Amino acid sequence: MSLPMSELPNIENLYRLDGKVCVVTGASSGFGDRFARVMSAAGAKVVVAARRQERLEELVADLPDALAIQCDVSSDEQCKKLIDESISHYGRIDVLVNNAGTTDAVHPAEEANIDLFRKVVDVNLNSCFLLSALAAQDMLTRQEGSIINVASVHGLVASAPNLQPAYVASKAGLVNLTRELAVQWAKRGIRVNVLCPGYFETELTQVMFDDERSSSWIARNASMGRGGTPEELDGALLFLASSASSYVTGVPLPVDGGWIAR
C-alpha cells in the first residue's frame, strides 16, 4: 500500500540541525574544521575545540553562531571545562563529535615505546569516554542526544604494513566503547555511533599522500582506487547527527572507498 504524500519525509529537512548545539573537538584543522562548517551550514550552533586557539578564532569568524574553546583533550580538567562552558553559553549540548586524535610514529610493535602508546590511547580513547560521559549528564536530563565518535578504518582492520599499534588499538577500543555506551543509553534517548573513515588527506596523512609509494598503497587497498575527498564524509556526519538516524545506535559506519570490503 502506497503512503500518501503527507506522510512522506521532508527530504529537504531530514538532515537539518536547526538550533542544535554541536560540540566538535579537534576542530582546528582537517575533519574537525570541515565538520564544524558542515554542521553550521545545516543550521547548528557550533562549539569548536582544539589546542590551537588562533585557528579556532579564524574558524568561528566564518560561522554565524559559534564559540571557540581552547582544549587539550588529554587534560581531564580541560575536557570538563569544555563541556561546562558549552552548556553555560548555549544551555545544552545536542550533538558531541569526538574528533580529536593523534597517531604514533610508524614502528614495529617489538620496538615498543610504552609512553607513546599511553599518550595515543589517552587522546584517542580515554578523552572520548570522559567527554561522552560528561555530555551525557546533560543529554540525559532531556532524554535526547547524539554522540559521534571518529575512529578509523583501522579500528576495524589492521594497518600493517603501515605499522601503528597504538593508533590501531585506540581506534578499535573506540569502536567497542561506542557499542557499550550505545547499549547503556539506548533507552534513555542518547544515540552513540562511530565514523570509520578510510584514507583522506589531512594533516595526519599528508605525508602519506605526498609519498608515491604510500599513495600507491592507499590506491591499491581502497576498492575505489583512491583516497577520499573532504566532502565525502559530509553525508555520513549529518546522517548520524540528525533525526535521519533516529533508529540507529551502536553502529560503526565505514566511509572508506571499499577498504574493508576487500
C-alpha atoms as a PDB file:
ATOM      1  CA  MET A   1       0.000   0.000   0.000  1.00  0.00           C
ATOM      2  CA  SER A   2       1.459   3.361  -1.005  1.00  0.00           C
ATOM      3  CA  LEU A   3       1.892   6.160   1.507  1.00  0.00           C
ATOM      4  CA  PRO A   4       0.099   9.443   0.975  1.00  0.00           C
ATOM      5  CA  MET A   5       2.417  12.340   0.207  1.00  0.00           C
ATOM      6  CA  SER A   6       1.558  13.917   3.550  1.00  0.00           C
ATOM      7  CA  GLU A   7       3.247  11.008   5.362  1.00  0.00           C
ATOM      8  CA  LEU A   8       6.457  11.008   3.329  1.00  0.00           C
ATOM      9  CA  PRO A   9       9.512  12.627   4.931  1.00  0.00           C
ATOM     10  CA  ASN A  10      10.505  16.165   4.079  1.00  0.00           C
ATOM     11  CA  ILE A  11      13.785  15.298   2.399  1.00  0.00           C
ATOM     12  CA  GLU A  12      14.993  18.890   2.459  1.00  0.00           C
ATOM     13  CA  ASN A  13      14.751  18.975   6.263  1.00  0.00           C
ATOM     14  CA  LEU A  14      15.748  15.386   7.041  1.00  0.00           C
ATOM     15  CA  TYR A  15      19.406  16.191   7.663  1.00  0.00           C
ATOM     16  CA  ARG A  16      18.911  19.654   9.143  1.00  0.00           C
ATOM     17  CA  LEU A  17      20.347  20.579  12.541  1.00  0.00           C
ATOM     18  CA  ASP A  18      18.465  23.836  13.050  1.00  0.00           C
ATOM     19  CA  GLY A  19      19.095  25.190  16.537  1.00  0.00           C
ATOM     20  CA  LYS A  20      21.045  22.118  17.641  1.00  0.00           C
ATOM     21  CA  VAL A  21      24.129  22.737  19.782  1.00  0.00           C
ATOM     22  CA  CYS A  22      27.017  20.716  18.378  1.00  0.00           C
ATOM     23  CA  VAL A  23      30.426  20.374  20.055  1.00  0.00           C
ATOM     24  CA  VAL A  24      33.328  19.360  17.803  1.00  0.00           C
ATOM     25  CA  THR A  25      36.786  18.527  19.173  1.00  0.00           C
ATOM     26  CA  GLY A  26      39.942  18.654  17.082  1.00  0.00           C
ATOM     27  CA  ALA A  27      38.349  21.478  15.106  1.00  0.00           C
ATOM     28  CA  SER A  28      41.467  23.481  14.264  1.00  0.00           C
ATOM     29  CA  SER A  29      42.146  21.527  11.064  1.00  0.00           C
ATOM     30  CA  GLY A  30      41.223  18.518   8.949  1.00  0.00           C
ATOM     31  CA  PHE A  31      37.999  16.663   9.642  1.00  0.00           C
ATOM     32  CA  GLY A  32      37.128  18.833  12.633  1.00  0.00           C
ATOM     33  CA  ASP A  33      37.256  22.095  10.709  1.00  0.00           C
ATOM     34  CA  ARG A  34      35.140  20.559   7.953  1.00  0.00           C
ATOM     35  CA  PHE A  35      32.648  19.033  10.411  1.00  0.00           C
ATOM     36  CA  ALA A  36      32.107  22.372  12.129  1.00  0.00           C
ATOM     37  CA  ARG A  37      31.446  24.130   8.826  1.00  0.00           C
ATOM     38  CA  VAL A  38      29.076  21.420   7.585  1.00  0.00           C
ATOM     39  CA  MET A  39      27.055  21.373  10.811  1.00  0.00           C
ATOM     40  CA  SER A  40      26.859  25.145  10.830  1.00  0.00           C
ATOM     41  CA  ALA A  41      25.616  25.102   7.228  1.00  0.00           C
ATOM     42  CA  ALA A  42      22.924  22.657   8.367  1.00  0.00           C
ATOM     43  CA  GLY A  43      21.712  25.200  10.934  1.00  0.00           C
ATOM     44  CA  ALA A  44      23.607  24.205  14.071  1.00  0.00           C
ATOM     45  CA  LYS A  45      25.156  26.349  16.759  1.00  0.00           C
ATOM     46  CA  VAL A  46      28.702  25.065  16.943  1.00  0.00           C
ATOM     47  CA  VAL A  47      31.271  24.880  19.730  1.00  0.00           C
ATOM     48  CA  VAL A  48      34.721  24.265  18.280  1.00  0.00           C
ATOM     49  CA  ALA A  49      37.534  22.971  20.475  1.00  0.00           C
ATOM     50  CA  ALA A  50      41.232  22.325  19.929  1.00  0.00           C
ATOM     51  CA  ARG A  51      44.630  23.306  21.293  1.00  0.00           C
ATOM     52  CA  ARG A  52      45.365  25.944  18.641  1.00  0.00           C
ATOM     53  CA  GLN A  53      43.239  28.910  19.691  1.00  0.00           C
ATOM     54  CA  GLU A  54      44.249  31.137  16.785  1.00  0.00           C
ATOM     55  CA  ARG A  55      42.935  28.615  14.265  1.00  0.00           C
ATOM     56  CA  LEU A  56      39.686  28.277  16.196  1.00  0.00           C
ATOM     57  CA  GLU A  57      39.213  32.037  16.110  1.00  0.00           C
ATOM     58  CA  GLU A  58      39.699  32.019  12.337  1.00  0.00           C
ATOM     59  CA  LEU A  59      37.102  29.268  12.045  1.00  0.00           C
ATOM     60  CA  VAL A  60      34.397  30.902  14.186  1.00  0.00           C
ATOM     61  CA  ALA A  61      34.844  34.119  12.226  1.00  0.00           C
ATOM     62  CA  ASP A  62      33.413  32.222   9.237  1.00  0.00           C
ATOM     63  CA  LEU A  63      30.416  30.779  11.115  1.00  0.00           C
ATOM     64  CA  PRO A  64      27.182  32.609  12.013  1.00  0.00           C
ATOM     65  CA  ASP A  65      26.770  31.236  15.544  1.00  0.00           C
ATOM     66  CA  ALA A  66      29.856  29.576  17.022  1.00  0.00           C
ATOM     67  CA  LEU A  67      32.012  29.533  20.131  1.00  0.00           C
ATOM     68  CA  ALA A  68      35.731  28.724  20.299  1.00  0.00           C
ATOM     69  CA  ILE A  69      37.098  26.992  23.403  1.00  0.00           C
ATOM     70  CA  GLN A  70      40.758  26.061  23.705  1.00  0.00           C
ATOM     71  CA  CYS A  71      41.011  22.480  24.883  1.00  0.00           C
ATOM     72  CA  ASP A  72      43.665  19.785  25.098  1.00  0.00           C
ATOM     73  CA  VAL A  73      41.558  16.638  25.344  1.00  0.00           C
ATOM     74  CA  SER A  74      44.366  14.774  27.150  1.00  0.00           C
ATOM     75  CA  SER A  75      43.593  17.018  30.158  1.00  0.00           C
ATOM     76  CA  ASP A  76      40.637  15.896  32.280  1.00  0.00           C
ATOM     77  CA  GLU A  77      40.239  19.425  33.621  1.00  0.00           C
ATOM     78  CA  GLN A  78      40.103  20.968  30.151  1.00  0.00           C
ATOM     79  CA  CYS A  79      37.570  18.360  28.985  1.00  0.00           C
ATOM     80  CA  LYS A  80      35.307  19.274  31.901  1.00  0.00           C
ATOM     81  CA  LYS A  81      35.794  22.974  31.142  1.00  0.00           C
ATOM     82  CA  LEU A  82      34.792  22.401  27.517  1.00  0.00           C
ATOM     83  CA  ILE A  83      31.511  20.746  28.468  1.00  0.00           C
ATOM     84  CA  ASP A  84      30.737  23.207  31.268  1.00  0.00           C
ATOM     85  CA  GLU A  85      31.392  26.293  29.125  1.00  0.00           C
ATOM     86  CA  SER A  86      29.398  24.883  26.199  1.00  0.00           C
ATOM     87  CA  ILE A  87      26.366  24.357  28.425  1.00  0.00           C
ATOM     88  CA  SER A  88      26.856  27.702  30.156  1.00  0.00           C
ATOM     89  CA  HIS A  89      26.920  29.516  26.790  1.00  0.00           C
ATOM     90  CA  TYR A  90      24.207  27.655  24.880  1.00  0.00           C
ATOM     91  CA  GLY A  91      22.197  25.981  27.646  1.00  0.00           C
ATOM     92  CA  ARG A  92      22.661  22.408  26.461  1.00  0.00           C
ATOM     93  CA  ILE A  93      24.569  20.011  24.176  1.00  0.00           C
ATOM     94  CA  ASP A  94      22.635  18.144  21.493  1.00  0.00           C
ATOM     95  CA  VAL A  95      25.486  16.592  19.497  1.00  0.00           C
ATOM     96  CA  LEU A  96      29.036  15.744  20.562  1.00  0.00           C
ATOM     97  CA  VAL A  97      31.608  14.884  17.897  1.00  0.00           C
ATOM     98  CA  ASN A  98      34.690  13.284  19.441  1.00  0.00           C
ATOM     99  CA  ASN A  99      37.055  14.011  16.581  1.00  0.00           C
ATOM    100  CA  ALA A 100      40.353  14.982  18.241  1.00  0.00           C
ATOM    101  CA  GLY A 101      43.032  12.407  17.616  1.00  0.00           C
ATOM    102  CA  THR A 102      46.707  11.685  17.265  1.00  0.00           C
ATOM    103  CA  THR A 103      48.900   8.892  15.996  1.00  0.00           C
ATOM    104  CA  ASP A 104      52.175   7.158  16.730  1.00  0.00           C
ATOM    105  CA  ALA A 105      55.237   7.159  14.505  1.00  0.00           C
ATOM    106  CA  VAL A 106      55.388   4.131  12.229  1.00  0.00           C
ATOM    107  CA  HIS A 107      57.324   1.387  14.024  1.00  0.00           C
ATOM    108  CA  PRO A 108      57.223  -2.384  14.576  1.00  0.00           C
ATOM    109  CA  ALA A 109      55.443  -3.449  17.752  1.00  0.00           C
ATOM    110  CA  GLU A 110      58.596  -5.108  19.101  1.00  0.00           C
ATOM    111  CA  GLU A 111      60.198  -1.668  19.261  1.00  0.00           C
ATOM    112  CA  ALA A 112      57.640  -0.652  21.851  1.00  0.00           C
ATOM    113  CA  ASN A 113      57.510   2.843  23.279  1.00  0.00           C
ATOM    114  CA  ILE A 114      55.002   2.407  26.077  1.00  0.00           C
ATOM    115  CA  ASP A 115      54.913   6.115  26.938  1.00  0.00           C
ATOM    116  CA  LEU A 116      53.892   6.972  23.368  1.00  0.00           C
ATOM    117  CA  PHE A 117      51.365   4.139  23.378  1.00  0.00           C
ATOM    118  CA  ARG A 118      49.746   5.528  26.536  1.00  0.00           C
ATOM    119  CA  LYS A 119      49.685   9.055  25.099  1.00  0.00           C
ATOM    120  CA  VAL A 120      47.916   7.942  21.916  1.00  0.00           C
ATOM    121  CA  VAL A 121      45.344   5.901  23.845  1.00  0.00           C
ATOM    122  CA  ASP A 122      44.767   8.820  26.202  1.00  0.00           C
ATOM    123  CA  VAL A 123      43.920  11.185  23.350  1.00  0.00           C
ATOM    124  CA  ASN A 124      42.101   8.786  21.021  1.00  0.00           C
ATOM    125  CA  LEU A 125      40.144   6.712  23.529  1.00  0.00           C
ATOM    126  CA  ASN A 126      40.197   7.948  27.118  1.00  0.00           C
ATOM    127  CA  SER A 127      39.199  11.505  26.229  1.00  0.00           C
ATOM    128  CA  CYS A 128      36.265  10.225  24.177  1.00  0.00           C
ATOM    129  CA  PHE A 129      34.978   8.281  27.155  1.00  0.00           C
ATOM    130  CA  LEU A 130      35.301  11.245  29.505  1.00  0.00           C
ATOM    131  CA  LEU A 131      33.732  13.776  27.144  1.00  0.00           C
ATOM    132  CA  SER A 132      30.897  11.382  26.304  1.00  0.00           C
ATOM    133  CA  ALA A 133      30.166  10.752  29.965  1.00  0.00           C
ATOM    134  CA  LEU A 134      30.202  14.479  30.765  1.00  0.00           C
ATOM    135  CA  ALA A 135      27.992  15.400  27.800  1.00  0.00           C
ATOM    136  CA  ALA A 136      25.621  12.537  28.598  1.00  0.00           C
ATOM    137  CA  GLN A 137      24.903  14.017  32.020  1.00  0.00           C
ATOM    138  CA  ASP A 138      23.289  16.948  30.220  1.00  0.00           C
ATOM    139  CA  MET A 139      21.697  14.901  27.438  1.00  0.00           C
ATOM    140  CA  LEU A 140      20.064  12.511  29.915  1.00  0.00           C
ATOM    141  CA  THR A 141      18.173  15.360  31.556  1.00  0.00           C
ATOM    142  CA  ARG A 142      16.344  15.836  28.243  1.00  0.00           C
ATOM    143  CA  GLN A 143      16.395  12.178  27.138  1.00  0.00           C
ATOM    144  CA  GLU A 144      17.900  13.246  23.828  1.00  0.00           C
ATOM    145  CA  GLY A 145      21.307  13.490  22.197  1.00  0.00           C
ATOM    146  CA  SER A 146      23.706  12.113  19.613  1.00  0.00           C
ATOM    147  CA  ILE A 147      27.359  11.271  20.211  1.00  0.00           C
ATOM    148  CA  ILE A 148      29.549  10.659  17.172  1.00  0.00           C
ATOM    149  CA  ASN A 149      32.972   9.174  17.753  1.00  0.00           C
ATOM    150  CA  VAL A 150      35.531   9.395  14.966  1.00  0.00           C
ATOM    151  CA  ALA A 151      37.613   6.236  14.738  1.00  0.00           C
ATOM    152  CA  SER A 152      39.173   4.890  11.544  1.00  0.00           C
ATOM    153  CA  VAL A 153      39.015   2.025   9.141  1.00  0.00           C
ATOM    154  CA  HIS A 154      41.924   0.800  11.283  1.00  0.00           C
ATOM    155  CA  GLY A 155      39.555   0.450  14.189  1.00  0.00           C
ATOM    156  CA  LEU A 156      38.128  -2.457  12.177  1.00  0.00           C
ATOM    157  CA  VAL A 157      41.181  -3.926  10.420  1.00  0.00           C
ATOM    158  CA  ALA A 158      44.940  -3.911  10.985  1.00  0.00           C
ATOM    159  CA  SER A 159      47.107  -1.161   9.494  1.00  0.00           C
ATOM    160  CA  ALA A 160      50.175  -3.242   8.586  1.00  0.00           C
ATOM    161  CA  PRO A 161      52.401  -2.584   6.675  1.00  0.00           C
ATOM    162  CA  ASN A 162      51.651   0.938   7.947  1.00  0.00           C
ATOM    163  CA  LEU A 163      52.777  -0.032  11.449  1.00  0.00           C
ATOM    164  CA  GLN A 164      50.896   1.975  14.095  1.00  0.00           C
ATOM    165  CA  PRO A 165      49.991  -0.316  17.002  1.00  0.00           C
ATOM    166  CA  ALA A 166      48.871   2.438  19.399  1.00  0.00           C
ATOM    167  CA  TYR A 167      46.646   4.088  16.812  1.00  0.00           C
ATOM    168  CA  VAL A 168      45.046   0.803  15.789  1.00  0.00           C
ATOM    169  CA  ALA A 169      44.468  -0.272  19.388  1.00  0.00           C
ATOM    170  CA  SER A 170      42.953   3.062  20.394  1.00  0.00           C
ATOM    171  CA  LYS A 171      40.610   3.215  17.414  1.00  0.00           C
ATOM    172  CA  ALA A 172      39.489  -0.404  17.872  1.00  0.00           C
ATOM    173  CA  GLY A 173      38.801   0.383  21.521  1.00  0.00           C
ATOM    174  CA  LEU A 174      36.752   3.394  20.457  1.00  0.00           C
ATOM    175  CA  VAL A 175      34.605   1.230  18.176  1.00  0.00           C
ATOM    176  CA  ASN A 176      33.669  -1.107  21.008  1.00  0.00           C
ATOM    177  CA  LEU A 177      33.341   1.724  23.546  1.00  0.00           C
ATOM    178  CA  THR A 178      30.772   3.158  21.132  1.00  0.00           C
ATOM    179  CA  ARG A 179      28.797  -0.083  21.255  1.00  0.00           C
ATOM    180  CA  GLU A 180      28.915  -0.195  25.055  1.00  0.00           C
ATOM    181  CA  LEU A 181      27.772   3.400  25.530  1.00  0.00           C
ATOM    182  CA  ALA A 182      25.096   2.964  22.870  1.00  0.00           C
ATOM    183  CA  VAL A 183      23.591  -0.002  24.700  1.00  0.00           C
ATOM    184  CA  GLN A 184      23.810   1.667  28.115  1.00  0.00           C
ATOM    185  CA  TRP A 185      21.992   4.786  26.922  1.00  0.00           C
ATOM    186  CA  ALA A 186      19.739   3.396  24.175  1.00  0.00           C
ATOM    187  CA  LYS A 187      16.547   3.512  26.268  1.00  0.00           C
ATOM    188  CA  ARG A 188      17.461   6.908  27.704  1.00  0.00           C
ATOM    189  CA  GLY A 189      17.423   8.903  24.493  1.00  0.00           C
ATOM    190  CA  ILE A 190      21.110   9.061  23.593  1.00  0.00           C
ATOM    191  CA  ARG A 191      22.413   7.542  20.374  1.00  0.00           C
ATOM    192  CA  VAL A 192      26.130   6.736  20.064  1.00  0.00           C
ATOM    193  CA  ASN A 193      27.720   5.856  16.735  1.00  0.00           C
ATOM    194  CA  VAL A 194      31.214   5.847  15.260  1.00  0.00           C
ATOM    195  CA  LEU A 195      32.531   7.057  11.915  1.00  0.00           C
ATOM    196  CA  CYS A 196      35.342   4.928  10.493  1.00  0.00           C
ATOM    197  CA  PRO A 197      36.973   6.922   7.686  1.00  0.00           C
ATOM    198  CA  GLY A 198      39.451   5.415   5.294  1.00  0.00           C
ATOM    199  CA  TYR A 199      42.339   7.489   3.971  1.00  0.00           C
ATOM    200  CA  PHE A 200      41.580  11.177   3.452  1.00  0.00           C
ATOM    201  CA  GLU A 201      44.143  13.939   3.008  1.00  0.00           C
ATOM    202  CA  THR A 202      44.529  15.662   6.389  1.00  0.00           C
ATOM    203  CA  GLU A 203      47.432  16.975   8.448  1.00  0.00           C
ATOM    204  CA  LEU A 204      47.913  13.480   9.879  1.00  0.00           C
ATOM    205  CA  THR A 205      48.008  11.736   6.491  1.00  0.00           C
ATOM    206  CA  GLN A 206      49.535  14.394   4.226  1.00  0.00           C
ATOM    207  CA  VAL A 207      52.968  12.796   4.369  1.00  0.00           C
ATOM    208  CA  MET A 208      51.478   9.550   3.012  1.00  0.00           C
ATOM    209  CA  PHE A 209      49.667  11.237   0.129  1.00  0.00           C
ATOM    210  CA  ASP A 210      52.839  13.156  -0.748  1.00  0.00           C
ATOM    211  CA  ASP A 211      54.882   9.937  -0.907  1.00  0.00           C
ATOM    212  CA  GLU A 212      54.499   7.995  -4.145  1.00  0.00           C
ATOM    213  CA  ARG A 213      54.891   4.564  -2.554  1.00  0.00           C
ATOM    214  CA  SER A 214      52.421   5.302   0.235  1.00  0.00           C
ATOM    215  CA  SER A 215      49.847   6.918  -2.039  1.00  0.00           C
ATOM    216  CA  SER A 216      50.050   3.895  -4.363  1.00  0.00           C
ATOM    217  CA  TRP A 217      49.434   1.625  -1.355  1.00  0.00           C
ATOM    218  CA  ILE A 218      46.305   3.637  -0.484  1.00  0.00           C
ATOM    219  CA  ALA A 219      45.012   3.432  -4.054  1.00  0.00           C
ATOM    220  CA  ARG A 220      45.710  -0.314  -4.186  1.00  0.00           C
ATOM    221  CA  ASN A 221      43.843  -1.106  -0.974  1.00  0.00           C
ATOM    222  CA  ALA A 222      40.788   1.106  -1.459  1.00  0.00           C
ATOM    223  CA  SER A 223      38.443  -0.726  -3.804  1.00  0.00           C
ATOM    224  CA  MET A 224      37.610   2.595  -5.483  1.00  0.00           C
ATOM    225  CA  GLY A 225      41.293   3.044  -6.260  1.00  0.00           C
ATOM    226  CA  ARG A 226      41.752   6.369  -4.478  1.00  0.00           C
ATOM    227  CA  GLY A 227      41.647   8.189  -1.186  1.00  0.00           C
ATOM    228  CA  GLY A 228      38.582  10.106  -0.064  1.00  0.00           C
ATOM    229  CA  THR A 229      37.834  13.781  -0.683  1.00  0.00           C
ATOM    230  CA  PRO A 230      36.664  16.047   2.173  1.00  0.00           C
ATOM    231  CA  GLU A 231      33.018  16.340   1.116  1.00  0.00           C
ATOM    232  CA  GLU A 232      32.619  12.557   1.049  1.00  0.00           C
ATOM    233  CA  LEU A 233      32.247  12.485   4.847  1.00  0.00           C
ATOM    234  CA  ASP A 234      29.549  15.188   4.956  1.00  0.00           C
ATOM    235  CA  GLY A 235      26.575  12.905   4.380  1.00  0.00           C
ATOM    236  CA  ALA A 236      27.641  10.326   6.952  1.00  0.00           C
ATOM    237  CA  LEU A 237      28.239  13.034   9.548  1.00  0.00           C
ATOM    238  CA  LEU A 238      24.857  14.695   9.027  1.00  0.00           C
ATOM    239  CA  PHE A 239      23.107  11.326   8.941  1.00  0.00           C
ATOM    240  CA  LEU A 240      24.433  10.383  12.381  1.00  0.00           C
ATOM    241  CA  ALA A 241      23.932  13.860  13.853  1.00  0.00           C
ATOM    242  CA  SER A 242      20.379  14.402  12.639  1.00  0.00           C
ATOM    243  CA  SER A 243      16.989  12.765  13.074  1.00  0.00           C
ATOM    244  CA  ALA A 244      17.648  10.875   9.833  1.00  0.00           C
ATOM    245  CA  SER A 245      19.360   8.232  12.017  1.00  0.00           C
ATOM    246  CA  SER A 246      16.815   8.262  14.859  1.00  0.00           C
ATOM    247  CA  TYR A 247      16.734   4.430  14.965  1.00  0.00           C
ATOM    248  CA  VAL A 248      20.498   3.939  14.559  1.00  0.00           C
ATOM    249  CA  THR A 249      22.815   3.403  17.514  1.00  0.00           C
ATOM    250  CA  GLY A 250      25.969   1.416  18.261  1.00  0.00           C
ATOM    251  CA  VAL A 251      26.965   1.355  14.601  1.00  0.00           C
ATOM    252  CA  PRO A 252      30.493   1.630  13.145  1.00  0.00           C
ATOM    253  CA  LEU A 253      29.999   3.380   9.795  1.00  0.00           C
ATOM    254  CA  PRO A 254      32.941   2.906   7.405  1.00  0.00           C
ATOM    255  CA  VAL A 255      33.459   5.637   4.812  1.00  0.00           C
ATOM    256  CA  ASP A 256      36.458   4.004   3.219  1.00  0.00           C
ATOM    257  CA  GLY A 257      36.093   3.557  -0.530  1.00  0.00           C
ATOM    258  CA  GLY A 258      35.642  -0.181  -0.018  1.00  0.00           C
ATOM    259  CA  TRP A 259      38.802  -0.690   2.084  1.00  0.00           C
ATOM    260  CA  ILE A 260      37.383  -3.316   4.449  1.00  0.00           C
ATOM    261  CA  ALA A 261      35.304  -4.984   1.725  1.00  0.00           C
ATOM    262  CA  ARG A 262      38.408  -6.454   0.071  1.00  0.00           C
END
